[in-house]
Amino acid sequence: MDTSIKEINTAENLLNEPSADYEKAEMDLLRDALRRTYTERFLFATRLYKIQQTLHSAKITHKPYTPVK
């Protein structure tokens, strides 16, 4: 190989981003969920159920694209 070409060090080229702490984020979400009252949980669950029912009964139609002449 040509000695004038420097070897690329991959460690220098990596982005130095902070590592994500997924366990802490998950625990924070669980703590927030446990703070909710039973009424809030029920209302949220019924809202999700209504959305699921709406999406289940939705009929998607597709009209083929025809370019304008």
Protein backbone atom coordinates (compact mmCIF):
# COMPACT_ATOMS: atom_id res chain seq x y z
CA MET A 1 0.00 0.00 0.00
CA ASP A 2 0.99 3.60 -0.44
CA THR A 3 2.71 4.93 2.67
CA SER A 4 1.51 8.51 2.03
CA ILE A 5 -2.11 7.57 2.77
CA LYS A 6 -2.80 7.92 6.46
CA GLU A 7 -4.66 5.19 8.21
CA ILE A 8 -8.07 6.39 9.30
CA ASN A 9 -8.65 5.97 12.98
CA THR A 10 -12.33 5.13 13.44
CA ALA A 11 -12.32 6.18 17.09
CA GLU A 12 -11.52 9.76 16.09
CA ASN A 13 -14.29 9.84 13.50
CA LEU A 14 -17.11 8.68 15.76
CA LEU A 15 -19.52 11.24 17.09
CA ASN A 16 -19.12 11.97 20.75
CA GLU A 17 -22.75 11.80 21.82
CA PRO A 18 -23.82 11.17 25.39
CA SER A 19 -25.10 7.67 25.94
CA ALA A 20 -28.84 7.35 26.47
CA ASP A 21 -30.02 6.13 29.83
CA TYR A 22 -33.00 4.02 28.82
CA GLU A 23 -33.47 2.42 32.22
CA LYS A 24 -33.84 5.80 33.93
CA ALA A 25 -36.26 7.00 31.24
CA GLU A 26 -38.34 3.84 31.64
CA MET A 27 -38.44 4.25 35.43
CA ASP A 28 -39.49 7.89 35.05
CA LEU A 29 -42.36 6.86 32.76
CA LEU A 30 -43.47 4.18 35.24
CA ARG A 31 -43.40 6.67 38.13
CA ASP A 32 -45.49 9.13 36.12
CA ALA A 33 -47.99 6.39 35.28
CA LEU A 34 -48.31 5.36 38.92
CA ARG A 35 -49.08 8.95 39.93
CA ARG A 36 -52.23 8.96 37.81
CA THR A 37 -55.56 8.32 39.48
CA TYR A 38 -57.77 5.42 38.52
CA THR A 39 -60.18 7.86 36.87
CA GLU A 40 -57.41 9.30 34.69
CA ARG A 41 -56.29 5.79 33.73
CA PHE A 42 -59.87 4.78 32.88
CA LEU A 43 -60.50 7.88 30.75
CA PHE A 44 -57.22 7.37 28.89
CA ALA A 45 -57.98 3.70 28.26
CA THR A 46 -61.47 4.48 26.96
CA ARG A 47 -60.05 7.14 24.65
CA LEU A 48 -57.56 4.61 23.25
CA TYR A 49 -60.36 2.06 22.84
CA LYS A 50 -62.50 4.56 20.91
CA ILE A 51 -59.59 5.40 18.63
CA GLN A 52 -58.92 1.69 18.06
CA GLN A 53 -62.58 1.09 17.17
CA THR A 54 -62.59 4.03 14.75
CA LEU A 55 -59.45 2.83 13.01
CA HIS A 56 -60.76 -0.73 12.90
CA SER A 57 -63.94 0.32 11.10
CA ALA A 58 -62.19 2.77 8.75
CA LYS A 59 -62.30 1.93 5.07
CA ILE A 60 -59.34 3.12 3.04
CA THR A 61 -59.99 3.67 -0.64
CA HIS A 62 -57.42 4.46 -3.25
CA LYS A 63 -58.00 6.24 -6.50
CA PRO A 64 -55.29 5.45 -9.05
CA TYR A 65 -53.15 8.38 -10.12
CA THR A 66 -53.77 9.53 -13.66
CA PRO A 67 -51.50 12.27 -14.98
CA VAL A 68 -53.17 15.29 -16.57
CA LYS A 69 -52.70 15.34 -20.35
